[in-house]
Amino acid sequence: MTTYRELLQRTKGEISELDAKTAKETPEGIWVDVREADEWQEGHLPGAVHVPRGYLESRIEGVAADKTQPVIVYCAVGNRSAFAAKTLQELGYEHVHSLAGGFTDWKRNGLEIVLPRTLSPEKRTRYSRHLLIPEIGEEGQLKLLDSKILLIGAGGLGSPASLYLAAAGIGTIGIVDADIVDETNLQRQIAHSLDTLGTPKVDSAKRAIEALNPDVNVVTYRERLTSENIDRILDDGWDLIVDGADNFPTRYLVNDASVWRNIPVVHGSIYRFEGQVTVFKPHEGPCYRCLFPEPPPPELAPSCAEGGVLGVLPGIVGTLQTNEAIKLAAQIGEPLVGRLLLLDALATEFTEVKIERRADCPVCGDHPTITEYIDYVEFCAK
């Protein structure tokens, strides 16, 4: 009967082993780490791909399709990698090597290793449903935690967006709003409550976010967005903007700044039973001025306070905005760039309209005519 030690010795005699220094000089080799996930998290070789030994046969062709290319397999001390190398030879790989001494000997020689950033056990539990989705996983969740998203407004659209962004684990959420919470807000602005009546909306929203997810850093700006403060606010380094403004002057300020600073904007707007969502991504699609080069005259603009809005509509549109923001932050899916999604809540109908960048757009066009901020007259009450 053959013992494990005898089998190991025989296997090592049938494969090629390289010591750490020799392996490091092997050109164009693919490094395959066959250790378990917990070992990989403790550190690995630069450029290595992780294929646990138990999945090697089924997954190796996905990471090393060319069987003539050198493959260097390693484990902790060189035993599992020896058996793995033998398996790869049987699968037809022509130049397979096992790292003698494994990861342990590599470190002992003072060679470079990578210490991966991972989620804590607490975060793995909190975001477990994201981790189960292949398109997000741990890497995507780390991207969300690293993201900085600025909300323009903490009202109807900003409320659901702020809560769902926080729940998703966006690391830093900024909120720009100068208003105070009043009773008329509570019909739709779910980040606020009776307990926060009379307090600044930014403070009320911050309180709700922090109660939901202490991982989130909330930065508040209790001020109305103007040409005088927009650059100062954007200098804080925001990755993208979720625009929940309910007035044209702010929308144009946000648009122009985003184009000049190359910051994507997730736009949303609502009125009575109608809503719309799109993504303005500079240099990849149209901007807000491609749709509306100039705001309408004040006398023709409907008042948000007078026109009214179905209470649930901001929740639907704000959540759609959040979906787009998460896709952009995690770099997954197909954002609504060049596509305007229209919602008729009364009929429960969605319509998608294609929109294109205009060569004559006054801001993002070939020959821009607007190169400085414009403070349009405020003409839409909250």
Protein backbone atom coordinates (compact mmCIF):
# COMPACT_ATOMS: atom_id res chain seq x y z
CA MET A 1 0.00 0.00 0.00
CA THR A 2 1.37 3.43 -0.99
CA THR A 3 1.59 6.06 1.75
CA TYR A 4 0.93 9.77 1.26
CA ARG A 5 4.64 10.53 1.66
CA GLU A 6 5.58 7.95 -0.95
CA LEU A 7 2.93 9.27 -3.36
CA LEU A 8 4.16 12.81 -2.83
CA GLN A 9 7.78 11.84 -3.49
CA ARG A 10 6.83 9.93 -6.62
CA THR A 11 4.73 12.85 -7.89
CA LYS A 12 7.53 15.34 -7.29
CA GLY A 13 9.80 13.10 -9.31
CA GLU A 14 7.43 13.33 -12.25
CA ILE A 15 7.05 17.11 -12.35
CA SER A 16 9.27 20.18 -12.57
CA GLU A 17 9.95 22.13 -9.38
CA LEU A 18 11.45 25.60 -9.27
CA ASP A 19 12.82 27.37 -6.22
CA ALA A 20 11.58 30.88 -5.44
CA LYS A 21 14.44 32.80 -7.05
CA THR A 22 14.39 30.73 -10.24
CA ALA A 23 10.62 30.89 -10.52
CA LYS A 24 10.70 34.66 -10.17
CA GLU A 25 12.80 34.87 -13.34
CA THR A 26 10.49 32.67 -15.41
CA PRO A 27 9.23 34.86 -18.28
CA GLU A 28 5.58 35.13 -19.24
CA GLY A 29 4.45 32.53 -16.77
CA ILE A 30 0.93 32.31 -15.34
CA TRP A 31 0.98 31.99 -11.57
CA VAL A 32 -1.81 29.88 -10.09
CA ASP A 33 -2.46 29.86 -6.34
CA VAL A 34 -4.18 26.59 -5.39
CA ARG A 35 -4.59 27.36 -1.68
CA GLU A 36 -7.92 27.85 0.07
CA ALA A 37 -9.71 31.20 0.25
CA ASP A 38 -8.62 31.98 3.80
CA GLU A 39 -4.97 31.39 2.86
CA TRP A 40 -5.30 33.63 -0.20
CA GLN A 41 -6.67 36.42 2.00
CA GLU A 42 -3.53 36.26 4.16
CA GLY A 43 -1.39 37.23 1.16
CA HIS A 44 -0.45 36.00 -2.30
CA LEU A 45 2.11 36.46 -5.06
CA PRO A 46 1.82 39.53 -7.31
CA GLY A 47 -0.22 38.80 -10.44
CA ALA A 48 -1.32 35.35 -9.29
CA VAL A 49 -4.79 34.02 -10.00
CA HIS A 50 -6.66 32.11 -7.32
CA VAL A 51 -7.98 28.68 -8.26
CA PRO A 52 -8.44 26.49 -5.16
CA ARG A 53 -7.13 22.95 -5.63
CA GLY A 54 -10.62 21.48 -5.47
CA TYR A 55 -11.70 23.53 -8.51
CA LEU A 56 -8.49 23.30 -10.53
CA GLU A 57 -9.64 20.86 -13.20
CA SER A 58 -12.90 22.70 -13.89
CA ARG A 59 -11.55 26.25 -13.83
CA ILE A 60 -7.97 26.19 -15.10
CA GLU A 61 -8.84 26.59 -18.77
CA GLY A 62 -10.65 29.80 -17.92
CA VAL A 63 -7.45 31.39 -16.63
CA ALA A 64 -4.83 29.55 -18.73
CA ALA A 65 -6.32 28.77 -22.12
CA ASP A 66 -2.96 28.47 -23.89
CA LYS A 67 -1.51 25.12 -22.86
CA THR A 68 1.89 25.97 -24.29
CA GLN A 69 2.38 28.93 -21.95
CA PRO A 70 4.39 28.29 -18.74
CA VAL A 71 2.24 27.75 -15.65
CA ILE A 72 3.69 28.01 -12.15
CA VAL A 73 1.55 26.49 -9.43
CA TYR A 74 2.04 27.17 -5.75
CA CYS A 75 0.48 26.39 -2.38
CA ALA A 76 1.68 26.90 1.19
CA VAL A 77 4.77 24.63 1.20
CA GLY A 78 4.78 22.93 -2.21
CA ASN A 79 2.86 19.71 -1.62
CA ARG A 80 -0.61 20.51 -2.96
CA SER A 81 1.00 22.35 -5.86
CA ALA A 82 2.99 19.23 -6.77
CA PHE A 83 -0.21 17.23 -7.18
CA ALA A 84 -1.77 20.18 -9.02
CA ALA A 85 1.17 20.33 -11.43
CA LYS A 86 0.81 16.61 -12.13
CA THR A 87 -2.88 17.12 -12.88
CA LEU A 88 -2.12 19.98 -15.28
CA GLN A 89 0.39 17.82 -17.11
CA GLU A 90 -2.30 15.18 -17.55
CA LEU A 91 -4.61 17.89 -18.91
CA GLY A 92 -2.06 18.64 -21.62
CA TYR A 93 -0.20 21.66 -20.25
CA GLU A 94 3.30 21.50 -21.66
CA HIS A 95 5.33 23.68 -19.31
CA VAL A 96 4.10 23.25 -15.75
CA HIS A 97 6.17 23.96 -12.64
CA SER A 98 5.50 23.67 -8.94
CA LEU A 99 6.98 26.27 -6.61
CA ALA A 100 9.26 24.38 -4.24
CA GLY A 101 8.68 25.48 -0.67
CA GLY A 102 5.53 27.30 -1.77
CA PHE A 103 4.37 30.64 -0.45
CA THR A 104 6.25 30.07 2.80
CA ASP A 105 9.64 29.82 1.09
CA TRP A 106 8.79 32.78 -1.18
CA LYS A 107 8.22 34.97 1.87
CA ARG A 108 11.31 33.58 3.59
CA ASN A 109 13.40 34.84 0.66
CA GLY A 110 12.01 38.34 1.17
CA LEU A 111 10.24 38.43 -2.19
CA GLU A 112 7.24 40.65 -2.86
CA ILE A 113 3.77 39.58 -1.77
CA VAL A 114 0.35 41.21 -2.01
CA LEU A 115 -1.81 41.64 1.06
CA PRO A 116 -5.36 41.87 -0.30
CA ARG A 117 -7.89 44.24 1.19
CA THR A 118 -10.84 42.30 2.46
CA LEU A 119 -14.15 42.86 4.20
CA SER A 120 -14.30 42.38 7.93
CA PRO A 121 -16.54 39.55 9.23
CA GLU A 122 -19.09 42.18 10.26
CA LYS A 123 -19.17 43.72 6.78
CA ARG A 124 -19.35 40.31 5.14
CA THR A 125 -22.50 39.66 7.15
CA ARG A 126 -24.05 43.08 6.46
CA TYR A 127 -23.44 42.94 2.71
CA SER A 128 -23.84 39.16 2.33
CA ARG A 129 -26.58 39.49 -0.29
CA HIS A 130 -24.31 41.63 -2.46
CA LEU A 131 -21.46 39.16 -2.05
CA LEU A 132 -23.65 36.38 -3.45
CA ILE A 133 -24.08 38.29 -6.73
CA PRO A 134 -21.19 37.48 -9.11
CA GLU A 135 -21.40 40.92 -10.73
CA ILE A 136 -20.73 42.58 -7.37
CA GLY A 137 -19.05 40.15 -4.98
CA GLU A 138 -16.37 41.28 -2.56
CA GLU A 139 -14.49 43.36 -5.13
CA GLY A 140 -17.62 45.27 -6.08
CA GLN A 141 -18.60 45.83 -2.48
CA LEU A 142 -15.17 47.25 -1.74
CA LYS A 143 -15.68 49.65 -4.67
CA LEU A 144 -18.97 50.78 -3.15
CA LEU A 145 -17.33 51.33 0.22
CA ASP A 146 -14.64 53.41 -1.49
CA SER A 147 -17.15 55.52 -3.44
CA LYS A 148 -18.05 59.14 -2.74
CA ILE A 149 -21.48 60.18 -4.00
CA LEU A 150 -22.90 63.68 -3.73
CA LEU A 151 -26.66 64.15 -3.39
CA ILE A 152 -28.14 67.41 -4.60
CA GLY A 153 -31.16 67.77 -2.37
CA ALA A 154 -32.44 65.82 0.62
CA GLY A 155 -36.09 66.03 -0.44
CA GLY A 156 -38.34 63.73 -2.42
CA LEU A 157 -35.64 62.18 -4.62
CA GLY A 158 -32.75 62.61 -2.21
CA SER A 159 -34.56 60.84 0.63
CA PRO A 160 -34.91 57.36 -0.92
CA ALA A 161 -31.59 57.74 -2.72
CA SER A 162 -29.77 58.57 0.51
CA LEU A 163 -31.23 55.60 2.38
CA TYR A 164 -30.64 53.03 -0.34
CA LEU A 165 -27.13 54.31 -1.06
CA ALA A 166 -26.39 54.02 2.64
CA ALA A 167 -27.87 50.53 2.81
CA ALA A 168 -25.73 49.50 -0.17
CA GLY A 169 -22.59 50.59 1.67
CA ILE A 170 -21.55 53.70 -0.24
CA GLY A 171 -18.59 54.86 1.84
CA THR A 172 -19.15 58.61 1.73
CA ILE A 173 -22.42 60.39 0.99
CA GLY A 174 -22.53 64.16 0.63
CA ILE A 175 -25.80 66.09 0.93
CA VAL A 176 -26.43 69.63 -0.30
CA ASP A 177 -29.66 71.23 0.92
CA ALA A 178 -30.57 74.52 2.61
CA ASP A 179 -34.13 73.65 3.66
CA ILE A 180 -35.79 72.83 6.96
CA VAL A 181 -38.07 69.82 7.48
CA ASP A 182 -41.77 70.76 7.59
CA GLU A 183 -44.98 68.75 7.71
CA THR A 184 -45.66 68.99 3.97
CA ASN A 185 -42.43 67.06 3.34
CA LEU A 186 -43.51 63.95 5.20
CA GLN A 187 -45.95 62.82 2.49
CA ARG A 188 -42.97 61.72 0.35
CA GLN A 189 -39.59 62.59 1.91
CA ILE A 190 -38.99 59.38 3.84
CA ALA A 191 -35.61 60.32 5.30
CA HIS A 192 -37.43 62.74 7.63
CA SER A 193 -39.96 62.24 10.40
CA LEU A 194 -42.06 64.00 13.01
CA ASP A 195 -39.03 63.86 15.30
CA THR A 196 -37.02 66.06 12.93
CA LEU A 197 -39.61 68.73 12.12
CA GLY A 198 -37.98 72.15 12.18
CA THR A 199 -34.45 70.81 11.79
CA PRO A 200 -32.24 71.22 8.71
CA LYS A 201 -32.88 68.52 6.13
CA VAL A 202 -29.18 67.72 5.88
CA ASP A 203 -29.07 67.00 9.61
CA SER A 204 -32.27 64.97 9.51
CA ALA A 205 -31.02 62.90 6.59
CA LYS A 206 -27.65 62.39 8.24
CA ARG A 207 -29.38 61.12 11.35
CA ALA A 208 -31.43 58.62 9.32
CA ILE A 209 -28.40 57.41 7.35
CA GLU A 210 -26.23 56.90 10.42
CA ALA A 211 -29.02 55.01 12.16
CA LEU A 212 -29.23 52.71 9.15
CA ASN A 213 -25.53 52.14 8.47
CA PRO A 214 -22.67 53.38 10.65
CA ASP A 215 -20.18 52.43 7.91
CA VAL A 216 -21.20 55.54 5.96
CA ASN A 217 -19.43 58.87 6.33
CA VAL A 218 -21.99 61.66 5.82
CA VAL A 219 -20.79 65.11 4.72
CA THR A 220 -23.40 67.86 4.90
CA TYR A 221 -23.62 71.23 3.16
CA ARG A 222 -26.44 73.31 4.58
CA GLU A 223 -26.53 75.80 1.76
CA ARG A 224 -28.22 76.43 -1.56
CA LEU A 225 -26.06 75.47 -4.50
CA THR A 226 -24.80 78.54 -6.39
CA SER A 227 -22.02 79.50 -8.74
CA GLU A 228 -20.11 80.80 -5.72
CA ASN A 229 -20.01 77.53 -3.77
CA ILE A 230 -20.30 74.72 -6.33
CA ASP A 231 -16.57 74.49 -7.01
CA ARG A 232 -15.77 74.47 -3.30
CA ILE A 233 -18.20 71.62 -2.74
CA LEU A 234 -17.01 69.62 -5.74
CA ASP A 235 -13.39 70.11 -4.68
CA ASP A 236 -14.10 67.52 -1.96
CA GLY A 237 -13.61 64.87 -4.63
CA TRP A 238 -16.96 63.33 -5.50
CA ASP A 239 -17.04 60.35 -7.88
CA LEU A 240 -20.55 61.03 -9.12
CA ILE A 241 -23.58 63.20 -8.45
CA VAL A 242 -27.17 62.15 -7.85
CA ASP A 243 -29.23 65.17 -8.87
CA GLY A 244 -32.47 65.43 -6.94
CA ALA A 245 -32.92 69.16 -7.48
CA ASP A 246 -36.47 70.38 -8.08
CA ASN A 247 -35.57 73.61 -9.87
CA PHE A 248 -33.98 74.53 -13.16
CA PRO A 249 -31.24 76.87 -11.88
CA THR A 250 -29.67 74.10 -9.80
CA ARG A 251 -29.96 71.53 -12.59
CA TYR A 252 -28.07 73.77 -14.98
CA LEU A 253 -25.37 74.54 -12.43
CA VAL A 254 -24.89 70.84 -11.71
CA ASN A 255 -24.83 69.99 -15.40
CA ASP A 256 -22.27 72.60 -16.38
CA ALA A 257 -19.98 71.76 -13.46
CA SER A 258 -20.20 68.05 -14.19
CA VAL A 259 -19.18 68.54 -17.82
CA TRP A 260 -16.25 70.78 -16.94
CA ARG A 261 -15.11 68.44 -14.16
CA ASN A 262 -15.92 65.14 -15.90
CA ILE A 263 -18.24 63.90 -13.13
CA PRO A 264 -21.18 61.63 -14.07
CA VAL A 265 -24.64 62.82 -13.04
CA VAL A 266 -27.61 60.58 -12.33
CA HIS A 267 -30.52 62.88 -13.15
CA GLY A 268 -34.07 62.48 -11.91
CA SER A 269 -37.14 64.69 -11.98
CA ILE A 270 -40.80 64.33 -10.98
CA TYR A 271 -44.08 66.19 -11.46
CA ARG A 272 -47.54 65.00 -10.43
CA PHE A 273 -47.63 61.43 -11.84
CA GLU A 274 -44.64 61.70 -14.18
CA GLY A 275 -40.98 60.99 -13.62
CA GLN A 276 -37.80 60.64 -15.63
CA VAL A 277 -34.33 59.23 -15.05
CA THR A 278 -31.15 59.30 -17.11
CA VAL A 279 -27.37 59.37 -16.71
CA PHE A 280 -25.30 62.22 -18.06
CA LYS A 281 -21.76 60.91 -18.42
CA PRO A 282 -19.38 63.51 -19.87
CA HIS A 283 -17.59 62.53 -23.08
CA GLU A 284 -19.69 59.36 -23.42
CA GLY A 285 -23.17 60.75 -23.95
CA PRO A 286 -25.31 63.89 -23.94
CA CYS A 287 -25.60 66.39 -21.11
CA TYR A 288 -28.67 68.10 -19.69
CA ARG A 289 -28.25 71.04 -22.07
CA CYS A 290 -28.36 68.68 -25.04
CA LEU A 291 -31.99 68.15 -24.00
CA PHE A 292 -32.75 71.66 -22.78
CA PRO A 293 -30.16 74.22 -23.92
CA GLU A 294 -31.79 76.98 -21.84
CA PRO A 295 -34.37 76.97 -19.04
CA PRO A 296 -37.91 78.01 -19.89
CA PRO A 297 -39.16 81.48 -18.96
CA PRO A 298 -40.14 81.64 -15.27
CA GLU A 299 -43.78 82.29 -16.11
CA LEU A 300 -43.97 79.03 -18.08
CA ALA A 301 -42.25 76.85 -15.49
CA PRO A 302 -44.69 74.90 -13.30
CA SER A 303 -44.32 75.44 -9.60
CA CYS A 304 -43.44 72.23 -7.77
CA ALA A 305 -45.44 73.39 -4.76
CA GLU A 306 -48.50 74.27 -6.85
CA GLY A 307 -48.41 71.30 -9.21
CA GLY A 308 -48.16 68.62 -6.54
CA VAL A 309 -46.67 65.14 -6.76
CA LEU A 310 -47.88 61.62 -6.00
CA GLY A 311 -46.22 60.67 -2.72
CA VAL A 312 -44.76 57.36 -3.90
CA LEU A 313 -43.40 58.73 -7.19
CA PRO A 314 -40.20 60.20 -5.67
CA GLY A 315 -39.56 56.79 -4.12
CA ILE A 316 -39.76 55.05 -7.49
CA VAL A 317 -37.64 57.61 -9.32
CA GLY A 318 -35.17 58.07 -6.46
CA THR A 319 -34.67 54.33 -6.23
CA LEU A 320 -34.08 54.11 -9.98
CA GLN A 321 -31.46 56.84 -9.58
CA THR A 322 -29.86 54.81 -6.81
CA ASN A 323 -29.73 51.77 -9.06
CA GLU A 324 -27.88 53.78 -11.69
CA ALA A 325 -25.51 55.22 -9.08
CA ILE A 326 -24.65 51.77 -7.72
CA LYS A 327 -23.97 50.46 -11.23
CA LEU A 328 -21.64 53.37 -11.91
CA ALA A 329 -19.86 53.02 -8.56
CA ALA A 330 -19.40 49.25 -8.89
CA GLN A 331 -18.65 49.53 -12.63
CA ILE A 332 -21.27 46.98 -13.65
CA GLY A 333 -24.21 46.80 -16.01
CA GLU A 334 -25.34 49.32 -18.61
CA PRO A 335 -26.10 52.77 -17.16
CA LEU A 336 -28.79 54.94 -18.73
CA VAL A 337 -26.26 56.92 -20.77
CA GLY A 338 -27.97 58.29 -23.85
CA ARG A 339 -31.30 56.83 -22.69
CA LEU A 340 -34.09 58.77 -21.00
CA LEU A 341 -36.44 56.59 -18.97
CA LEU A 342 -39.92 58.08 -18.66
CA LEU A 343 -42.47 56.92 -16.11
CA ASP A 344 -46.23 57.48 -16.16
CA ALA A 345 -47.26 56.37 -12.68
CA LEU A 346 -50.96 56.81 -13.39
CA ALA A 347 -50.82 54.27 -16.22
CA THR A 348 -47.83 52.37 -14.76
CA GLU A 349 -45.98 52.65 -18.05
CA PHE A 350 -42.28 53.04 -18.73
CA THR A 351 -41.01 54.50 -21.99
CA GLU A 352 -37.40 54.75 -23.07
CA VAL A 353 -36.26 57.53 -25.38
CA LYS A 354 -32.83 57.63 -26.97
CA ILE A 355 -31.01 60.93 -26.60
CA GLU A 356 -27.79 61.96 -28.27
CA ARG A 357 -25.07 64.48 -27.68
CA ARG A 358 -25.64 67.59 -29.77
CA ALA A 359 -22.70 68.98 -31.67
CA ASP A 360 -24.13 72.46 -31.10
CA CYS A 361 -24.69 71.98 -27.36
CA PRO A 362 -23.64 75.22 -25.62
CA VAL A 363 -21.65 73.33 -22.96
CA CYS A 364 -20.53 69.89 -24.22
CA GLY A 365 -20.73 70.61 -27.97
CA ASP A 366 -17.92 71.03 -30.44
CA HIS A 367 -17.83 74.80 -29.98
CA PRO A 368 -19.11 75.63 -26.47
CA THR A 369 -20.65 79.05 -25.99
CA ILE A 370 -21.17 78.73 -22.23
CA THR A 371 -17.87 78.57 -20.39
CA GLU A 372 -18.80 80.14 -17.05
CA TYR A 373 -21.47 79.41 -14.46
CA ILE A 374 -24.84 81.10 -14.84
CA ASP A 375 -27.08 81.78 -11.85
CA TYR A 376 -30.55 81.61 -13.35
CA VAL A 377 -33.45 83.16 -11.45
CA GLU A 378 -34.95 80.79 -8.89
CA PHE A 379 -38.49 80.05 -9.99
CA CYS A 380 -39.54 76.70 -8.60
CA ALA A 381 -40.58 76.56 -4.98
CA LYS A 382 -40.19 73.35 -2.96
